[in-house]
Amino acid sequence: MERLFEILEEIQPEVDYETCTDLIDGHYLDSLSILSLVAEIEEEFDITIPTVEIIPENFNSAEALWDMIERLQEEE
């Protein structure tokens, strides 16, 4: 999960990803940030994030992102 924090901080450095639970709803990540994040996660963790997974519930916190990454890794 440490690598996920690094990716998030590269995209939006001023957010406390360990405690933030409204990355999307709080407008910390915009659409371009999300696209960059998806590309970085797919490359780093060797997964494909289907369009149906790109929803606020999966992107509102680092923990939710990590849960999605682990689930997608298990499915591949």
PDB file of N, CA and C in Angstrom:
ATOM      1  N   MET A   1       0.822  -1.198   0.000  1.00  0.00           N
ATOM      2  CA  MET A   1       0.000   0.000   0.000  1.00  0.00           C
ATOM      3  C   MET A   1       0.865   1.260   0.000  1.00  0.00           C
ATOM      4  N   GLU A   2       2.105   1.108   0.435  1.00  0.00           N
ATOM      5  CA  GLU A   2       3.018   2.254   0.447  1.00  0.00           C
ATOM      6  C   GLU A   2       3.196   2.826  -0.953  1.00  0.00           C
ATOM      7  N   ARG A   3       3.294   1.949  -1.947  1.00  0.00           N
ATOM      8  CA  ARG A   3       3.460   2.420  -3.329  1.00  0.00           C
ATOM      9  C   ARG A   3       2.221   3.194  -3.781  1.00  0.00           C
ATOM     10  N   LEU A   4       1.043   2.777  -3.337  1.00  0.00           N
ATOM     11  CA  LEU A   4      -0.184   3.500  -3.673  1.00  0.00           C
ATOM     12  C   LEU A   4      -0.128   4.920  -3.101  1.00  0.00           C
ATOM     13  N   PHE A   5       0.325   5.060  -1.862  1.00  0.00           N
ATOM     14  CA  PHE A   5       0.468   6.395  -1.269  1.00  0.00           C
ATOM     15  C   PHE A   5       1.430   7.251  -2.093  1.00  0.00           C
ATOM     16  N   GLU A   6       2.514   6.655  -2.561  1.00  0.00           N
ATOM     17  CA  GLU A   6       3.487   7.391  -3.374  1.00  0.00           C
ATOM     18  C   GLU A   6       2.856   7.879  -4.670  1.00  0.00           C
ATOM     19  N   ILE A   7       2.083   7.012  -5.321  1.00  0.00           N
ATOM     20  CA  ILE A   7       1.409   7.386  -6.572  1.00  0.00           C
ATOM     21  C   ILE A   7       0.435   8.527  -6.315  1.00  0.00           C
ATOM     22  N   LEU A   8      -0.363   8.406  -5.268  1.00  0.00           N
ATOM     23  CA  LEU A   8      -1.333   9.452  -4.932  1.00  0.00           C
ATOM     24  C   LEU A   8      -0.636  10.778  -4.650  1.00  0.00           C
ATOM     25  N   GLU A   9       0.464  10.740  -3.915  1.00  0.00           N
ATOM     26  CA  GLU A   9       1.186  11.967  -3.567  1.00  0.00           C
ATOM     27  C   GLU A   9       1.832  12.613  -4.786  1.00  0.00           C
ATOM     28  N   GLU A  10       2.213  11.806  -5.780  1.00  0.00           N
ATOM     29  CA  GLU A  10       2.757  12.360  -7.015  1.00  0.00           C
ATOM     30  C   GLU A  10       1.674  13.138  -7.765  1.00  0.00           C
ATOM     31  N   ILE A  11       0.453  12.649  -7.707  1.00  0.00           N
ATOM     32  CA  ILE A  11      -0.643  13.269  -8.442  1.00  0.00           C
ATOM     33  C   ILE A  11      -1.194  14.491  -7.715  1.00  0.00           C
ATOM     34  N   GLN A  12      -1.356  14.390  -6.393  1.00  0.00           N
ATOM     35  CA  GLN A  12      -1.929  15.480  -5.590  1.00  0.00           C
ATOM     36  C   GLN A  12      -1.217  15.501  -4.234  1.00  0.00           C
ATOM     37  N   PRO A  13      -0.079  16.183  -4.138  1.00  0.00           N
ATOM     38  CA  PRO A  13       0.769  16.073  -2.950  1.00  0.00           C
ATOM     39  C   PRO A  13       0.210  16.666  -1.658  1.00  0.00           C
ATOM     40  N   GLU A  14      -0.727  17.593  -1.724  1.00  0.00           N
ATOM     41  CA  GLU A  14      -1.137  18.279  -0.495  1.00  0.00           C
ATOM     42  C   GLU A  14      -2.259  17.600   0.281  1.00  0.00           C
ATOM     43  N   VAL A  15      -2.637  16.383  -0.093  1.00  0.00           N
ATOM     44  CA  VAL A  15      -3.730  15.669   0.585  1.00  0.00           C
ATOM     45  C   VAL A  15      -3.155  14.637   1.563  1.00  0.00           C
ATOM     46  N   ASP A  16      -3.781  14.511   2.729  1.00  0.00           N
ATOM     47  CA  ASP A  16      -3.400  13.475   3.693  1.00  0.00           C
ATOM     48  C   ASP A  16      -4.169  12.199   3.352  1.00  0.00           C
ATOM     49  N   TYR A  17      -3.543  11.350   2.566  1.00  0.00           N
ATOM     50  CA  TYR A  17      -4.222  10.158   2.050  1.00  0.00           C
ATOM     51  C   TYR A  17      -4.486   9.104   3.115  1.00  0.00           C
ATOM     52  N   GLU A  18      -3.789   9.182   4.228  1.00  0.00           N
ATOM     53  CA  GLU A  18      -4.012   8.191   5.284  1.00  0.00           C
ATOM     54  C   GLU A  18      -5.327   8.424   6.014  1.00  0.00           C
ATOM     55  N   THR A  19      -5.831   9.651   6.003  1.00  0.00           N
ATOM     56  CA  THR A  19      -7.073   9.945   6.723  1.00  0.00           C
ATOM     57  C   THR A  19      -8.209  10.416   5.826  1.00  0.00           C
ATOM     58  N   CYS A  20      -7.916  10.868   4.621  1.00  0.00           N
ATOM     59  CA  CYS A  20      -8.948  11.428   3.748  1.00  0.00           C
ATOM     60  C   CYS A  20      -9.877  10.330   3.224  1.00  0.00           C
ATOM     61  N   THR A  21     -11.184  10.549   3.376  1.00  0.00           N
ATOM     62  CA  THR A  21     -12.165   9.568   2.916  1.00  0.00           C
ATOM     63  C   THR A  21     -13.146  10.163   1.912  1.00  0.00           C
ATOM     64  N   ASP A  22     -12.799  11.329   1.364  1.00  0.00           N
ATOM     65  CA  ASP A  22     -13.675  11.948   0.366  1.00  0.00           C
ATOM     66  C   ASP A  22     -12.865  12.548  -0.785  1.00  0.00           C
ATOM     67  N   LEU A  23     -11.959  11.752  -1.330  1.00  0.00           N
ATOM     68  CA  LEU A  23     -11.091  12.235  -2.403  1.00  0.00           C
ATOM     69  C   LEU A  23     -11.887  12.713  -3.607  1.00  0.00           C
ATOM     70  N   ILE A  24     -12.946  11.999  -3.944  1.00  0.00           N
ATOM     71  CA  ILE A  24     -13.787  12.380  -5.076  1.00  0.00           C
ATOM     72  C   ILE A  24     -14.841  13.381  -4.614  1.00  0.00           C
ATOM     73  N   ASP A  25     -15.600  13.003  -3.601  1.00  0.00           N
ATOM     74  CA  ASP A  25     -16.695  13.849  -3.125  1.00  0.00           C
ATOM     75  C   ASP A  25     -16.192  15.204  -2.619  1.00  0.00           C
ATOM     76  N   GLY A  26     -14.989  15.236  -2.081  1.00  0.00           N
ATOM     77  CA  GLY A  26     -14.406  16.483  -1.590  1.00  0.00           C
ATOM     78  C   GLY A  26     -13.641  17.252  -2.655  1.00  0.00           C
ATOM     79  N   HIS A  27     -13.659  16.749  -3.875  1.00  0.00           N
ATOM     80  CA  HIS A  27     -13.013  17.390  -5.033  1.00  0.00           C
ATOM     81  C   HIS A  27     -11.499  17.522  -4.886  1.00  0.00           C
ATOM     82  N   TYR A  28     -10.883  16.577  -4.175  1.00  0.00           N
ATOM     83  CA  TYR A  28      -9.420  16.558  -4.099  1.00  0.00           C
ATOM     84  C   TYR A  28      -8.824  16.002  -5.390  1.00  0.00           C
ATOM     85  N   LEU A  29      -9.554  15.104  -6.025  1.00  0.00           N
ATOM     86  CA  LEU A  29      -9.128  14.542  -7.306  1.00  0.00           C
ATOM     87  C   LEU A  29     -10.127  14.950  -8.374  1.00  0.00           C
ATOM     88  N   ASP A  30      -9.624  15.548  -9.452  1.00  0.00           N
ATOM     89  CA  ASP A  30     -10.507  15.892 -10.569  1.00  0.00           C
ATOM     90  C   ASP A  30     -10.413  14.799 -11.630  1.00  0.00           C
ATOM     91  N   SER A  31     -11.127  14.981 -12.719  1.00  0.00           N
ATOM     92  CA  SER A  31     -11.196  13.925 -13.733  1.00  0.00           C
ATOM     93  C   SER A  31      -9.822  13.606 -14.331  1.00  0.00           C
ATOM     94  N   LEU A  32      -9.000  14.615 -14.557  1.00  0.00           N
ATOM     95  CA  LEU A  32      -7.661  14.357 -15.093  1.00  0.00           C
ATOM     96  C   LEU A  32      -6.792  13.617 -14.087  1.00  0.00           C
ATOM     97  N   SER A  33      -6.923  13.959 -12.825  1.00  0.00           N
ATOM     98  CA  SER A  33      -6.179  13.253 -11.782  1.00  0.00           C
ATOM     99  C   SER A  33      -6.597  11.793 -11.719  1.00  0.00           C
ATOM    100  N   ILE A  34      -7.889  11.548 -11.863  1.00  0.00           N
ATOM    101  CA  ILE A  34      -8.387  10.172 -11.823  1.00  0.00           C
ATOM    102  C   ILE A  34      -7.854   9.374 -13.004  1.00  0.00           C
ATOM    103  N   LEU A  35      -7.840   9.978 -14.181  1.00  0.00           N
ATOM    104  CA  LEU A  35      -7.290   9.284 -15.351  1.00  0.00           C
ATOM    105  C   LEU A  35      -5.822   8.947 -15.146  1.00  0.00           C
ATOM    106  N   SER A  36      -5.051   9.891 -14.612  1.00  0.00           N
ATOM    107  CA  SER A  36      -3.637   9.641 -14.324  1.00  0.00           C
ATOM    108  C   SER A  36      -3.492   8.540 -13.287  1.00  0.00           C
ATOM    109  N   LEU A  37      -4.321   8.597 -12.267  1.00  0.00           N
ATOM    110  CA  LEU A  37      -4.279   7.604 -11.197  1.00  0.00           C
ATOM    111  C   LEU A  37      -4.582   6.206 -11.733  1.00  0.00           C
ATOM    112  N   VAL A  38      -5.602   6.095 -12.566  1.00  0.00           N
ATOM    113  CA  VAL A  38      -5.956   4.799 -13.151  1.00  0.00           C
ATOM    114  C   VAL A  38      -4.780   4.256 -13.958  1.00  0.00           C
ATOM    115  N   ALA A  39      -4.181   5.086 -14.792  1.00  0.00           N
ATOM    116  CA  ALA A  39      -3.054   4.638 -15.617  1.00  0.00           C
ATOM    117  C   ALA A  39      -1.878   4.190 -14.752  1.00  0.00           C
ATOM    118  N   GLU A  40      -1.557   4.966 -13.719  1.00  0.00           N
ATOM    119  CA  GLU A  40      -0.437   4.617 -12.828  1.00  0.00           C
ATOM    120  C   GLU A  40      -0.701   3.314 -12.073  1.00  0.00           C
ATOM    121  N   ILE A  41      -1.917   3.164 -11.565  1.00  0.00           N
ATOM    122  CA  ILE A  41      -2.268   1.952 -10.816  1.00  0.00           C
ATOM    123  C   ILE A  41      -2.223   0.735 -11.726  1.00  0.00           C
ATOM    124  N   GLU A  42      -2.776   0.868 -12.922  1.00  0.00           N
ATOM    125  CA  GLU A  42      -2.768  -0.267 -13.853  1.00  0.00           C
ATOM    126  C   GLU A  42      -1.348  -0.700 -14.176  1.00  0.00           C
ATOM    127  N   GLU A  43      -0.474   0.265 -14.412  1.00  0.00           N
ATOM    128  CA  GLU A  43       0.918  -0.062 -14.742  1.00  0.00           C
ATOM    129  C   GLU A  43       1.660  -0.643 -13.538  1.00  0.00           C
ATOM    130  N   GLU A  44       1.534  -0.003 -12.393  1.00  0.00           N
ATOM    131  CA  GLU A  44       2.282  -0.410 -11.199  1.00  0.00           C
ATOM    132  C   GLU A  44       1.856  -1.772 -10.668  1.00  0.00           C
ATOM    133  N   PHE A  45       0.546  -2.037 -10.673  1.00  0.00           N
ATOM    134  CA  PHE A  45       0.035  -3.257 -10.058  1.00  0.00           C
ATOM    135  C   PHE A  45      -0.372  -4.318 -11.081  1.00  0.00           C
ATOM    136  N   ASP A  46      -0.105  -4.054 -12.364  1.00  0.00           N
ATOM    137  CA  ASP A  46      -0.367  -5.008 -13.447  1.00  0.00           C
ATOM    138  C   ASP A  46      -1.815  -5.504 -13.423  1.00  0.00           C
ATOM    139  N   ILE A  47      -2.735  -4.546 -13.386  1.00  0.00           N
ATOM    140  CA  ILE A  47      -4.156  -4.872 -13.427  1.00  0.00           C
ATOM    141  C   ILE A  47      -4.824  -3.984 -14.472  1.00  0.00           C
ATOM    142  N   THR A  48      -6.043  -4.324 -14.821  1.00  0.00           N
ATOM    143  CA  THR A  48      -6.884  -3.479 -15.662  1.00  0.00           C
ATOM    144  C   THR A  48      -8.067  -3.051 -14.813  1.00  0.00           C
ATOM    145  N   ILE A  49      -8.317  -1.771 -14.769  1.00  0.00           N
ATOM    146  CA  ILE A  49      -9.452  -1.256 -14.012  1.00  0.00           C
ATOM    147  C   ILE A  49     -10.599  -1.023 -14.997  1.00  0.00           C
ATOM    148  N   PRO A  50     -11.616  -1.874 -14.958  1.00  0.00           N
ATOM    149  CA  PRO A  50     -12.747  -1.694 -15.875  1.00  0.00           C
ATOM    150  C   PRO A  50     -13.473  -0.375 -15.591  1.00  0.00           C
ATOM    151  N   THR A  51     -14.086   0.171 -16.598  1.00  0.00           N
ATOM    152  CA  THR A  51     -14.811   1.429 -16.464  1.00  0.00           C
ATOM    153  C   THR A  51     -15.848   1.372 -15.343  1.00  0.00           C
ATOM    154  N   VAL A  52     -16.499   0.232 -15.181  1.00  0.00           N
ATOM    155  CA  VAL A  52     -17.540   0.112 -14.147  1.00  0.00           C
ATOM    156  C   VAL A  52     -16.967   0.230 -12.735  1.00  0.00           C
ATOM    157  N   GLU A  53     -15.652   0.084 -12.579  1.00  0.00           N
ATOM    158  CA  GLU A  53     -15.012   0.202 -11.266  1.00  0.00           C
ATOM    159  C   GLU A  53     -14.623   1.644 -10.934  1.00  0.00           C
ATOM    160  N   ILE A  54     -14.688   2.534 -11.922  1.00  0.00           N
ATOM    161  CA  ILE A  54     -14.280   3.920 -11.708  1.00  0.00           C
ATOM    162  C   ILE A  54     -15.483   4.700 -11.171  1.00  0.00           C
ATOM    163  N   ILE A  55     -15.733   4.468  -9.898  1.00  0.00           N
ATOM    164  CA  ILE A  55     -16.853   5.083  -9.194  1.00  0.00           C
ATOM    165  C   ILE A  55     -16.339   5.674  -7.884  1.00  0.00           C
ATOM    166  N   PRO A  56     -17.030   6.677  -7.344  1.00  0.00           N
ATOM    167  CA  PRO A  56     -16.548   7.310  -6.107  1.00  0.00           C
ATOM    168  C   PRO A  56     -16.279   6.330  -4.971  1.00  0.00           C
ATOM    169  N   GLU A  57     -17.102   5.301  -4.838  1.00  0.00           N
ATOM    170  CA  GLU A  57     -16.902   4.340  -3.748  1.00  0.00           C
ATOM    171  C   GLU A  57     -15.523   3.699  -3.784  1.00  0.00           C
ATOM    172  N   ASN A  58     -14.968   3.515  -4.980  1.00  0.00           N
ATOM    173  CA  ASN A  58     -13.650   2.893  -5.110  1.00  0.00           C
ATOM    174  C   ASN A  58     -12.501   3.897  -5.065  1.00  0.00           C
ATOM    175  N   PHE A  59     -12.810   5.185  -5.194  1.00  0.00           N
ATOM    176  CA  PHE A  59     -11.758   6.199  -5.307  1.00  0.00           C
ATOM    177  C   PHE A  59     -11.806   7.268  -4.215  1.00  0.00           C
ATOM    178  N   ASN A  60     -12.708   7.144  -3.246  1.00  0.00           N
ATOM    179  CA  ASN A  60     -12.841   8.175  -2.218  1.00  0.00           C
ATOM    180  C   ASN A  60     -11.754   8.117  -1.146  1.00  0.00           C
ATOM    181  N   SER A  61     -11.044   6.996  -1.039  1.00  0.00           N
ATOM    182  CA  SER A  61      -9.977   6.910  -0.040  1.00  0.00           C
ATOM    183  C   SER A  61      -8.892   5.962  -0.544  1.00  0.00           C
ATOM    184  N   ALA A  62      -7.720   6.092   0.043  1.00  0.00           N
ATOM    185  CA  ALA A  62      -6.627   5.187  -0.313  1.00  0.00           C
ATOM    186  C   ALA A  62      -7.004   3.754   0.056  1.00  0.00           C
ATOM    187  N   GLU A  63      -7.699   3.589   1.172  1.00  0.00           N
ATOM    188  CA  GLU A  63      -8.116   2.252   1.598  1.00  0.00           C
ATOM    189  C   GLU A  63      -9.074   1.621   0.589  1.00  0.00           C
ATOM    190  N   ALA A  64     -10.032   2.410   0.088  1.00  0.00           N
ATOM    191  CA  ALA A  64     -10.969   1.897  -0.913  1.00  0.00           C
ATOM    192  C   ALA A  64     -10.230   1.546  -2.205  1.00  0.00           C
ATOM    193  N   LEU A  65      -9.279   2.382  -2.578  1.00  0.00           N
ATOM    194  CA  LEU A  65      -8.470   2.086  -3.763  1.00  0.00           C
ATOM    195  C   LEU A  65      -7.692   0.786  -3.573  1.00  0.00           C
ATOM    196  N   TRP A  66      -7.089   0.625  -2.411  1.00  0.00           N
ATOM    197  CA  TRP A  66      -6.308  -0.572  -2.130  1.00  0.00           C
ATOM    198  C   TRP A  66      -7.187  -1.819  -2.161  1.00  0.00           C
ATOM    199  N   ASP A  67      -8.393  -1.723  -1.599  1.00  0.00           N
ATOM    200  CA  ASP A  67      -9.327  -2.861  -1.634  1.00  0.00           C
ATOM    201  C   ASP A  67      -9.664  -3.231  -3.069  1.00  0.00           C
ATOM    202  N   MET A  68      -9.883  -2.224  -3.925  1.00  0.00           N
ATOM    203  CA  MET A  68     -10.185  -2.483  -5.326  1.00  0.00           C
ATOM    204  C   MET A  68      -8.989  -3.133  -6.022  1.00  0.00           C
ATOM    205  N   ILE A  69      -7.786  -2.624  -5.762  1.00  0.00           N
ATOM    206  CA  ILE A  69      -6.575  -3.184  -6.383  1.00  0.00           C
ATOM    207  C   ILE A  69      -6.428  -4.653  -6.003  1.00  0.00           C
ATOM    208  N   GLU A  70      -6.561  -4.957  -4.720  1.00  0.00           N
ATOM    209  CA  GLU A  70      -6.416  -6.351  -4.274  1.00  0.00           C
ATOM    210  C   GLU A  70      -7.479  -7.249  -4.896  1.00  0.00           C
ATOM    211  N   ARG A  71      -8.708  -6.750  -4.983  1.00  0.00           N
ATOM    212  CA  ARG A  71      -9.796  -7.538  -5.573  1.00  0.00           C
ATOM    213  C   ARG A  71      -9.525  -7.810  -7.057  1.00  0.00           C
ATOM    214  N   LEU A  72      -9.070  -6.782  -7.780  1.00  0.00           N
ATOM    215  CA  LEU A  72      -8.787  -6.951  -9.208  1.00  0.00           C
ATOM    216  C   LEU A  72      -7.582  -7.857  -9.437  1.00  0.00           C
ATOM    217  N   GLN A  73      -6.602  -7.812  -8.553  1.00  0.00           N
ATOM    218  CA  GLN A  73      -5.453  -8.711  -8.676  1.00  0.00           C
ATOM    219  C   GLN A  73      -5.885 -10.168  -8.496  1.00  0.00           C
ATOM    220  N   GLU A  74      -6.804 -10.399  -7.586  1.00  0.00           N
ATOM    221  CA  GLU A  74      -7.291 -11.760  -7.361  1.00  0.00           C
ATOM    222  C   GLU A  74      -8.088 -12.278  -8.544  1.00  0.00           C
ATOM    223  N   GLU A  75      -8.800 -11.374  -9.227  1.00  0.00           N
ATOM    224  CA  GLU A  75      -9.635 -11.768 -10.368  1.00  0.00           C
ATOM    225  C   GLU A  75      -8.823 -12.085 -11.607  1.00  0.00           C
ATOM    226  N   GLU A  76      -7.610 -11.527 -11.714  1.00  0.00           N
ATOM    227  CA  GLU A  76      -6.811 -11.741 -12.941  1.00  0.00           C
ATOM    228  C   GLU A  76      -6.037 -13.022 -12.891  1.00  0.00           C
TER     229      GLU A  76
END
